[in-house]
Amino acid sequence: MREELFLHKDYQTALAEYRCIRFLIREIDAAVLKGNLVKANLYSRSLEYSIRELKRLQERKKHHDRMKSLVEDLRAKEINAELVVRSI
């Protein structure tokens, strides 16, 4: 999994979710093969949760990158970003 998709502080959480996703996929496959669709359905709900969590962590990174870019643009225009934030 590519580390640059997540904030540094979120990477270990993202990695844990990724590992969980891989585990759940194997468990869903095994449950379906055994005919245990109830168990497969429960695992699929957990899989959806883990995917949503990864998406949330990616969105945090995108938001952070947008804010960083905005601050850099303000600095390039010699505008103090702290003053802008305080006035909002």
C-alpha atoms as a PDB file:
ATOM      1  CA  MET A   1       0.000   0.000   0.000  1.00  0.00           C
ATOM      2  CA  ARG A   2       1.366   3.405  -0.951  1.00  0.00           C
ATOM      3  CA  GLU A   3       2.309   5.498   2.054  1.00  0.00           C
ATOM      4  CA  GLU A   4       1.905   8.795   0.205  1.00  0.00           C
ATOM      5  CA  LEU A   5      -1.881   8.251   0.056  1.00  0.00           C
ATOM      6  CA  PHE A   6      -2.169   8.927   3.794  1.00  0.00           C
ATOM      7  CA  LEU A   7      -0.888  11.352   6.377  1.00  0.00           C
ATOM      8  CA  HIS A   8       2.221  10.058   8.089  1.00  0.00           C
ATOM      9  CA  LYS A   9       0.376   9.877  11.410  1.00  0.00           C
ATOM     10  CA  ASP A  10      -2.469   7.863   9.804  1.00  0.00           C
ATOM     11  CA  TYR A  11      -0.333   5.375   7.889  1.00  0.00           C
ATOM     12  CA  GLN A  12      -0.202   2.677  10.577  1.00  0.00           C
ATOM     13  CA  THR A  13      -3.993   2.837  10.953  1.00  0.00           C
ATOM     14  CA  ALA A  14      -4.401   2.621   7.180  1.00  0.00           C
ATOM     15  CA  LEU A  15      -2.042  -0.342   7.063  1.00  0.00           C
ATOM     16  CA  ALA A  16      -4.035  -2.108   9.784  1.00  0.00           C
ATOM     17  CA  GLU A  17      -7.259  -1.506   7.837  1.00  0.00           C
ATOM     18  CA  TYR A  18      -5.613  -2.829   4.681  1.00  0.00           C
ATOM     19  CA  ARG A  19      -4.539  -6.000   6.479  1.00  0.00           C
ATOM     20  CA  CYS A  20      -8.038  -6.350   7.885  1.00  0.00           C
ATOM     21  CA  ILE A  21      -9.513  -6.008   4.389  1.00  0.00           C
ATOM     22  CA  ARG A  22      -7.259  -8.765   3.056  1.00  0.00           C
ATOM     23  CA  PHE A  23      -8.220 -11.022   5.973  1.00  0.00           C
ATOM     24  CA  LEU A  24     -11.934 -10.329   5.522  1.00  0.00           C
ATOM     25  CA  ILE A  25     -11.805 -11.090   1.809  1.00  0.00           C
ATOM     26  CA  ARG A  26     -10.270 -14.489   2.566  1.00  0.00           C
ATOM     27  CA  GLU A  27     -12.863 -15.143   5.273  1.00  0.00           C
ATOM     28  CA  ILE A  28     -15.755 -14.154   2.992  1.00  0.00           C
ATOM     29  CA  ASP A  29     -14.430 -16.514   0.336  1.00  0.00           C
ATOM     30  CA  ALA A  30     -14.104 -19.363   2.841  1.00  0.00           C
ATOM     31  CA  ALA A  31     -17.585 -18.753   4.279  1.00  0.00           C
ATOM     32  CA  VAL A  32     -19.168 -18.722   0.812  1.00  0.00           C
ATOM     33  CA  LEU A  33     -17.350 -21.929  -0.125  1.00  0.00           C
ATOM     34  CA  LYS A  34     -18.745 -23.574   3.021  1.00  0.00           C
ATOM     35  CA  GLY A  35     -22.217 -22.260   2.246  1.00  0.00           C
ATOM     36  CA  ASN A  36     -22.310 -20.046   5.328  1.00  0.00           C
ATOM     37  CA  LEU A  37     -23.808 -16.953   3.745  1.00  0.00           C
ATOM     38  CA  VAL A  38     -24.808 -15.427   7.075  1.00  0.00           C
ATOM     39  CA  LYS A  39     -21.170 -15.398   8.165  1.00  0.00           C
ATOM     40  CA  ALA A  40     -20.086 -14.110   4.745  1.00  0.00           C
ATOM     41  CA  ASN A  41     -22.602 -11.281   5.066  1.00  0.00           C
ATOM     42  CA  LEU A  42     -21.278 -10.328   8.504  1.00  0.00           C
ATOM     43  CA  TYR A  43     -17.734 -10.269   7.162  1.00  0.00           C
ATOM     44  CA  SER A  44     -18.869  -8.178   4.212  1.00  0.00           C
ATOM     45  CA  ARG A  45     -20.246  -5.540   6.585  1.00  0.00           C
ATOM     46  CA  SER A  46     -16.889  -5.378   8.330  1.00  0.00           C
ATOM     47  CA  LEU A  47     -15.222  -5.160   4.926  1.00  0.00           C
ATOM     48  CA  GLU A  48     -17.396  -2.170   4.006  1.00  0.00           C
ATOM     49  CA  TYR A  49     -16.492  -0.476   7.290  1.00  0.00           C
ATOM     50  CA  SER A  50     -12.760  -0.967   6.677  1.00  0.00           C
ATOM     51  CA  ILE A  51     -13.034   0.382   3.143  1.00  0.00           C
ATOM     52  CA  ARG A  52     -14.931   3.442   4.412  1.00  0.00           C
ATOM     53  CA  GLU A  53     -12.220   3.981   7.020  1.00  0.00           C
ATOM     54  CA  LEU A  54      -9.484   3.865   4.368  1.00  0.00           C
ATOM     55  CA  LYS A  55     -11.460   6.335   2.265  1.00  0.00           C
ATOM     56  CA  ARG A  56     -11.841   8.636   5.276  1.00  0.00           C
ATOM     57  CA  LEU A  57      -8.099   8.534   5.911  1.00  0.00           C
ATOM     58  CA  GLN A  58      -7.392   9.310   2.252  1.00  0.00           C
ATOM     59  CA  GLU A  59      -9.794  12.258   2.405  1.00  0.00           C
ATOM     60  CA  ARG A  60      -7.934  13.587   5.464  1.00  0.00           C
ATOM     61  CA  LYS A  61      -4.718  13.516   3.436  1.00  0.00           C
ATOM     62  CA  LYS A  62      -6.358  15.293   0.487  1.00  0.00           C
ATOM     63  CA  HIS A  63      -7.781  17.965   2.789  1.00  0.00           C
ATOM     64  CA  HIS A  64      -4.405  18.421   4.459  1.00  0.00           C
ATOM     65  CA  ASP A  65      -2.697  18.763   1.073  1.00  0.00           C
ATOM     66  CA  ARG A  66      -5.265  21.336  -0.083  1.00  0.00           C
ATOM     67  CA  MET A  67      -4.764  23.393   3.085  1.00  0.00           C
ATOM     68  CA  LYS A  68      -0.994  23.172   2.745  1.00  0.00           C
ATOM     69  CA  SER A  69      -1.230  24.346  -0.861  1.00  0.00           C
ATOM     70  CA  LEU A  70      -3.476  27.229   0.166  1.00  0.00           C
ATOM     71  CA  VAL A  71      -1.019  28.364   2.837  1.00  0.00           C
ATOM     72  CA  GLU A  72       1.842  28.166   0.335  1.00  0.00           C
ATOM     73  CA  ASP A  73      -0.163  30.258  -2.145  1.00  0.00           C
ATOM     74  CA  LEU A  74      -0.868  32.846   0.542  1.00  0.00           C
ATOM     75  CA  ARG A  75       2.799  32.978   1.510  1.00  0.00           C
ATOM     76  CA  ALA A  76       3.777  33.440  -2.131  1.00  0.00           C
ATOM     77  CA  LYS A  77       1.463  36.455  -2.194  1.00  0.00           C
ATOM     78  CA  GLU A  78       3.033  37.615   1.085  1.00  0.00           C
ATOM     79  CA  ILE A  79      -0.225  37.197   2.995  1.00  0.00           C
ATOM     80  CA  ASN A  80       0.068  36.036   6.601  1.00  0.00           C
ATOM     81  CA  ALA A  81      -2.075  32.886   6.776  1.00  0.00           C
ATOM     82  CA  GLU A  82      -2.397  33.174  10.566  1.00  0.00           C
ATOM     83  CA  LEU A  83      -4.129  36.531  10.204  1.00  0.00           C
ATOM     84  CA  VAL A  84      -6.517  35.097   7.617  1.00  0.00           C
ATOM     85  CA  VAL A  85      -7.436  32.215   9.925  1.00  0.00           C
ATOM     86  CA  ARG A  86      -7.992  34.509  12.897  1.00  0.00           C
ATOM     87  CA  SER A  87     -10.305  36.766  10.929  1.00  0.00           C
ATOM     88  CA  ILE A  88     -12.607  33.901   9.890  1.00  0.00           C
END
